[in-house]
Amino acid sequence: MILNEADLSGVILNDADLSGADLTDAILFGTDFSYANLNSANLSGSNLSGAILNGADLSHSNLSYAILGGADLSDANLEEMIWGKKQQWEGVQGLETAVNVPEALKEELGLN
């Protein structure tokens, strides 16, 4: 599914199956992805500010250059996600309950 550069701000996509979706540079401000399957999705460069990602499967997803400020990652699966130094993590909530958070990310954000 190709949704790159789409504006899905505020859309409710909880429980949606978006595995492998291309959401590169999408505007996802405040989108509800609760318990959505985003396994292997490309979210690179997307604006996920204020997005609700609690319980979402973000394993193997690409979050490089994503804006995550204020997003809720409570209980999200972050196994083997791709992330980089260019991401904006300010105000992210729920990382303490997210599963499979990479050790290097925990160290970078002072969660250890």
N, C-alpha and C. Protein backbone atom coordinates (compact mmCIF):
# COMPACT_ATOMS: atom_id res chain seq x y z
N MET A 1 0.84 -1.17 0.00
CA MET A 1 0.00 0.00 0.00
C MET A 1 0.90 1.24 0.00
N ILE A 2 0.70 2.11 -0.93
CA ILE A 2 1.52 3.32 -1.05
C ILE A 2 0.68 4.53 -0.62
N LEU A 3 1.09 5.11 0.50
CA LEU A 3 0.42 6.28 1.04
C LEU A 3 1.43 7.39 1.33
N ASN A 4 2.57 7.36 0.62
CA ASN A 4 3.58 8.36 0.90
C ASN A 4 3.04 9.76 0.61
N GLU A 5 3.39 10.68 1.48
CA GLU A 5 2.99 12.08 1.45
C GLU A 5 1.50 12.29 1.68
N ALA A 6 0.77 11.25 2.08
CA ALA A 6 -0.67 11.40 2.37
C ALA A 6 -0.87 12.21 3.64
N ASP A 7 -1.97 12.92 3.71
CA ASP A 7 -2.35 13.64 4.93
C ASP A 7 -3.47 12.85 5.59
N LEU A 8 -3.10 12.11 6.63
CA LEU A 8 -4.06 11.31 7.39
C LEU A 8 -4.20 11.84 8.81
N SER A 9 -4.01 13.13 8.97
CA SER A 9 -4.08 13.75 10.30
C SER A 9 -5.41 13.46 10.97
N GLY A 10 -5.33 12.97 12.20
CA GLY A 10 -6.53 12.76 13.00
C GLY A 10 -7.40 11.59 12.60
N VAL A 11 -6.99 10.83 11.61
CA VAL A 11 -7.78 9.68 11.16
C VAL A 11 -7.68 8.56 12.19
N ILE A 12 -8.74 7.80 12.36
CA ILE A 12 -8.74 6.66 13.28
C ILE A 12 -8.43 5.41 12.49
N LEU A 13 -7.25 4.84 12.75
CA LEU A 13 -6.79 3.64 12.07
C LEU A 13 -6.44 2.55 13.08
N ASN A 14 -7.12 2.57 14.23
CA ASN A 14 -6.82 1.56 15.24
C ASN A 14 -7.19 0.18 14.70
N ASP A 15 -6.36 -0.79 15.02
CA ASP A 15 -6.49 -2.18 14.57
C ASP A 15 -6.31 -2.36 13.06
N ALA A 16 -5.91 -1.32 12.34
CA ALA A 16 -5.71 -1.44 10.89
C ALA A 16 -4.49 -2.28 10.58
N ASP A 17 -4.53 -2.98 9.46
CA ASP A 17 -3.37 -3.74 8.99
C ASP A 17 -2.66 -2.92 7.93
N LEU A 18 -1.60 -2.25 8.34
CA LEU A 18 -0.80 -1.43 7.44
C LEU A 18 0.61 -1.99 7.33
N SER A 19 0.73 -3.30 7.50
CA SER A 19 2.05 -3.92 7.42
C SER A 19 2.63 -3.71 6.02
N GLY A 20 3.88 -3.28 5.99
CA GLY A 20 4.57 -3.04 4.73
C GLY A 20 4.14 -1.78 4.00
N ALA A 21 3.26 -0.98 4.58
CA ALA A 21 2.77 0.23 3.90
C ALA A 21 3.89 1.26 3.75
N ASP A 22 3.83 2.01 2.66
CA ASP A 22 4.77 3.11 2.44
C ASP A 22 4.09 4.40 2.86
N LEU A 23 4.46 4.90 4.02
CA LEU A 23 3.93 6.14 4.57
C LEU A 23 5.03 7.20 4.66
N THR A 24 5.99 7.12 3.76
CA THR A 24 7.11 8.06 3.74
C THR A 24 6.59 9.49 3.63
N ASP A 25 7.09 10.36 4.50
CA ASP A 25 6.77 11.78 4.50
C ASP A 25 5.27 12.07 4.67
N ALA A 26 4.52 11.12 5.20
CA ALA A 26 3.09 11.33 5.42
C ALA A 26 2.86 12.25 6.63
N ILE A 27 1.74 12.92 6.62
CA ILE A 27 1.34 13.77 7.73
C ILE A 27 0.34 12.96 8.55
N LEU A 28 0.78 12.52 9.71
CA LEU A 28 0.00 11.61 10.55
C LEU A 28 -0.23 12.22 11.93
N PHE A 29 -0.27 13.53 11.98
CA PHE A 29 -0.44 14.28 13.22
C PHE A 29 -1.75 13.86 13.90
N GLY A 30 -1.63 13.32 15.12
CA GLY A 30 -2.81 12.97 15.90
C GLY A 30 -3.57 11.74 15.40
N THR A 31 -3.02 10.99 14.47
CA THR A 31 -3.69 9.80 13.95
C THR A 31 -3.70 8.72 15.02
N ASP A 32 -4.81 7.99 15.12
CA ASP A 32 -4.96 6.92 16.11
C ASP A 32 -4.59 5.59 15.46
N PHE A 33 -3.40 5.09 15.80
CA PHE A 33 -2.91 3.80 15.32
C PHE A 33 -2.94 2.76 16.44
N SER A 34 -3.81 2.90 17.43
CA SER A 34 -3.85 1.96 18.54
C SER A 34 -4.00 0.54 18.01
N TYR A 35 -3.08 -0.32 18.44
CA TYR A 35 -3.09 -1.74 18.10
C TYR A 35 -3.05 -2.03 16.60
N ALA A 36 -2.60 -1.06 15.81
CA ALA A 36 -2.48 -1.26 14.37
C ALA A 36 -1.23 -2.10 14.07
N ASN A 37 -1.27 -2.81 12.97
CA ASN A 37 -0.13 -3.58 12.51
C ASN A 37 0.65 -2.72 11.51
N LEU A 38 1.77 -2.17 11.96
CA LEU A 38 2.65 -1.36 11.12
C LEU A 38 3.98 -2.07 10.92
N ASN A 39 3.95 -3.39 11.04
CA ASN A 39 5.16 -4.20 10.86
C ASN A 39 5.74 -3.94 9.47
N SER A 40 7.02 -3.61 9.44
CA SER A 40 7.76 -3.36 8.20
C SER A 40 7.25 -2.16 7.41
N ALA A 41 6.47 -1.28 8.03
CA ALA A 41 6.00 -0.07 7.35
C ALA A 41 7.13 0.94 7.24
N ASN A 42 7.10 1.73 6.19
CA ASN A 42 8.08 2.80 6.02
C ASN A 42 7.43 4.11 6.46
N LEU A 43 7.82 4.58 7.64
CA LEU A 43 7.31 5.82 8.20
C LEU A 43 8.39 6.90 8.19
N SER A 44 9.40 6.70 7.39
CA SER A 44 10.53 7.62 7.31
C SER A 44 10.06 9.03 6.92
N GLY A 45 10.47 10.00 7.71
CA GLY A 45 10.15 11.39 7.43
C GLY A 45 8.71 11.79 7.76
N SER A 46 7.94 10.88 8.29
CA SER A 46 6.54 11.17 8.61
C SER A 46 6.42 12.03 9.86
N ASN A 47 5.35 12.81 9.91
CA ASN A 47 5.06 13.61 11.09
C ASN A 47 4.03 12.85 11.92
N LEU A 48 4.51 12.21 12.99
CA LEU A 48 3.67 11.43 13.90
C LEU A 48 3.43 12.18 15.21
N SER A 49 3.57 13.50 15.19
CA SER A 49 3.36 14.30 16.40
C SER A 49 1.97 14.03 16.96
N GLY A 50 1.92 13.69 18.23
CA GLY A 50 0.64 13.46 18.88
C GLY A 50 -0.09 12.20 18.44
N ALA A 51 0.54 11.38 17.63
CA ALA A 51 -0.11 10.14 17.18
C ALA A 51 -0.28 9.18 18.35
N ILE A 52 -1.31 8.38 18.29
CA ILE A 52 -1.57 7.37 19.31
C ILE A 52 -1.14 6.03 18.72
N LEU A 53 -0.04 5.50 19.25
CA LEU A 53 0.54 4.26 18.76
C LEU A 53 0.56 3.20 19.85
N ASN A 54 -0.29 3.36 20.86
CA ASN A 54 -0.27 2.40 21.96
C ASN A 54 -0.68 1.01 21.46
N GLY A 55 0.13 0.02 21.80
CA GLY A 55 -0.12 -1.34 21.40
C GLY A 55 0.15 -1.64 19.94
N ALA A 56 0.62 -0.67 19.19
CA ALA A 56 0.89 -0.88 17.76
C ALA A 56 2.12 -1.76 17.56
N ASP A 57 2.11 -2.52 16.48
CA ASP A 57 3.26 -3.33 16.11
C ASP A 57 4.10 -2.54 15.13
N LEU A 58 5.19 -1.97 15.62
CA LEU A 58 6.11 -1.19 14.80
C LEU A 58 7.39 -1.98 14.52
N SER A 59 7.33 -3.29 14.71
CA SER A 59 8.53 -4.10 14.50
C SER A 59 8.97 -4.01 13.04
N HIS A 60 10.26 -3.90 12.87
CA HIS A 60 10.90 -3.82 11.54
C HIS A 60 10.47 -2.59 10.73
N SER A 61 9.80 -1.63 11.37
CA SER A 61 9.38 -0.43 10.65
C SER A 61 10.53 0.57 10.56
N ASN A 62 10.45 1.46 9.59
CA ASN A 62 11.47 2.49 9.39
C ASN A 62 10.94 3.81 9.93
N LEU A 63 11.51 4.27 11.04
CA LEU A 63 11.12 5.53 11.65
C LEU A 63 12.21 6.60 11.53
N SER A 64 13.16 6.38 10.63
CA SER A 64 14.23 7.37 10.48
C SER A 64 13.66 8.70 9.99
N TYR A 65 14.16 9.76 10.55
CA TYR A 65 13.75 11.13 10.24
C TYR A 65 12.29 11.45 10.61
N ALA A 66 11.62 10.55 11.32
CA ALA A 66 10.24 10.79 11.72
C ALA A 66 10.18 11.81 12.85
N ILE A 67 9.09 12.53 12.92
CA ILE A 67 8.82 13.47 14.01
C ILE A 67 7.83 12.78 14.93
N LEU A 68 8.26 12.49 16.14
CA LEU A 68 7.45 11.72 17.09
C LEU A 68 7.03 12.51 18.31
N GLY A 69 7.25 13.81 18.33
CA GLY A 69 6.96 14.63 19.49
C GLY A 69 5.54 14.45 19.99
N GLY A 70 5.41 14.06 21.25
CA GLY A 70 4.10 13.91 21.87
C GLY A 70 3.36 12.64 21.50
N ALA A 71 3.97 11.77 20.70
CA ALA A 71 3.32 10.50 20.34
C ALA A 71 3.24 9.59 21.56
N ASP A 72 2.24 8.73 21.58
CA ASP A 72 2.07 7.76 22.66
C ASP A 72 2.46 6.38 22.15
N LEU A 73 3.57 5.84 22.68
CA LEU A 73 4.08 4.53 22.27
C LEU A 73 3.87 3.49 23.37
N SER A 74 2.92 3.70 24.25
CA SER A 74 2.66 2.75 25.33
C SER A 74 2.38 1.36 24.76
N ASP A 75 3.10 0.38 25.28
CA ASP A 75 2.92 -1.02 24.91
C ASP A 75 3.16 -1.32 23.43
N ALA A 76 3.74 -0.40 22.68
CA ALA A 76 4.06 -0.65 21.27
C ALA A 76 5.23 -1.61 21.16
N ASN A 77 5.24 -2.40 20.10
CA ASN A 77 6.35 -3.31 19.83
C ASN A 77 7.33 -2.61 18.90
N LEU A 78 8.55 -2.37 19.39
CA LEU A 78 9.57 -1.65 18.62
C LEU A 78 10.71 -2.58 18.20
N GLU A 79 10.44 -3.86 18.12
CA GLU A 79 11.47 -4.83 17.77
C GLU A 79 12.10 -4.54 16.41
N GLU A 80 13.42 -4.40 16.44
CA GLU A 80 14.23 -4.19 15.24
C GLU A 80 13.74 -3.05 14.35
N MET A 81 13.16 -2.02 14.96
CA MET A 81 12.77 -0.85 14.17
C MET A 81 14.02 -0.10 13.72
N ILE A 82 13.89 0.62 12.64
CA ILE A 82 14.99 1.43 12.13
C ILE A 82 14.76 2.86 12.64
N TRP A 83 15.76 3.42 13.27
CA TRP A 83 15.67 4.77 13.79
C TRP A 83 17.04 5.41 13.65
N GLY A 84 17.09 6.69 13.76
CA GLY A 84 18.37 7.38 13.62
C GLY A 84 18.44 8.62 14.47
N LYS A 85 19.56 9.27 14.40
CA LYS A 85 19.80 10.47 15.22
C LYS A 85 18.94 11.65 14.79
N LYS A 86 18.38 11.61 13.61
CA LYS A 86 17.62 12.75 13.11
C LYS A 86 16.17 12.76 13.57
N GLN A 87 15.76 11.77 14.33
CA GLN A 87 14.39 11.72 14.81
C GLN A 87 14.17 12.72 15.93
N GLN A 88 12.93 13.12 16.08
CA GLN A 88 12.56 14.02 17.16
C GLN A 88 11.72 13.24 18.16
N TRP A 89 12.30 12.98 19.34
CA TRP A 89 11.67 12.17 20.38
C TRP A 89 11.10 13.01 21.51
N GLU A 90 11.21 14.34 21.44
CA GLU A 90 10.78 15.19 22.55
C GLU A 90 9.30 14.96 22.86
N GLY A 91 9.02 14.72 24.12
CA GLY A 91 7.63 14.59 24.56
C GLY A 91 6.99 13.25 24.25
N VAL A 92 7.75 12.29 23.74
CA VAL A 92 7.19 10.97 23.47
C VAL A 92 6.77 10.34 24.79
N GLN A 93 5.61 9.72 24.79
CA GLN A 93 5.07 9.10 26.00
C GLN A 93 5.07 7.59 25.84
N GLY A 94 5.15 6.88 26.93
CA GLY A 94 4.95 5.45 26.95
C GLY A 94 6.14 4.57 26.60
N LEU A 95 7.32 5.16 26.37
CA LEU A 95 8.47 4.32 26.04
C LEU A 95 8.84 3.37 27.18
N GLU A 96 8.48 3.73 28.40
CA GLU A 96 8.81 2.86 29.53
C GLU A 96 7.98 1.57 29.51
N THR A 97 6.86 1.54 28.80
CA THR A 97 6.06 0.32 28.70
C THR A 97 6.12 -0.31 27.31
N ALA A 98 6.77 0.36 26.37
CA ALA A 98 6.94 -0.23 25.03
C ALA A 98 7.83 -1.46 25.14
N VAL A 99 7.63 -2.43 24.26
CA VAL A 99 8.41 -3.65 24.30
C VAL A 99 9.45 -3.65 23.19
N ASN A 100 10.55 -4.32 23.47
CA ASN A 100 11.65 -4.47 22.51
C ASN A 100 12.25 -3.13 22.08
N VAL A 101 12.32 -2.17 23.01
CA VAL A 101 12.97 -0.89 22.72
C VAL A 101 14.47 -1.15 22.57
N PRO A 102 15.08 -0.74 21.45
CA PRO A 102 16.51 -0.99 21.28
C PRO A 102 17.33 -0.39 22.42
N GLU A 103 18.32 -1.14 22.90
CA GLU A 103 19.16 -0.68 24.00
C GLU A 103 19.83 0.65 23.69
N ALA A 104 20.30 0.81 22.45
CA ALA A 104 20.97 2.06 22.07
C ALA A 104 20.01 3.24 22.17
N LEU A 105 18.74 3.03 21.84
CA LEU A 105 17.75 4.11 21.96
C LEU A 105 17.49 4.43 23.42
N LYS A 106 17.38 3.41 24.26
CA LYS A 106 17.20 3.63 25.69
C LYS A 106 18.33 4.48 26.24
N GLU A 107 19.55 4.14 25.85
CA GLU A 107 20.71 4.90 26.31
C GLU A 107 20.66 6.33 25.83
N GLU A 108 20.34 6.52 24.54
CA GLU A 108 20.29 7.87 23.97
C GLU A 108 19.27 8.74 24.67
N LEU A 109 18.14 8.15 25.06
CA LEU A 109 17.06 8.90 25.69
C LEU A 109 17.13 8.88 27.21
N GLY A 110 18.17 8.22 27.77
CA GLY A 110 18.34 8.18 29.20
C GLY A 110 17.30 7.34 29.93
N LEU A 111 16.86 6.26 29.29
CA LEU A 111 15.84 5.40 29.89
C LEU A 111 16.41 4.23 30.68
N ASN A 112 17.73 4.11 30.72
CA ASN A 112 18.35 3.00 31.46
C ASN A 112 18.51 3.34 32.92
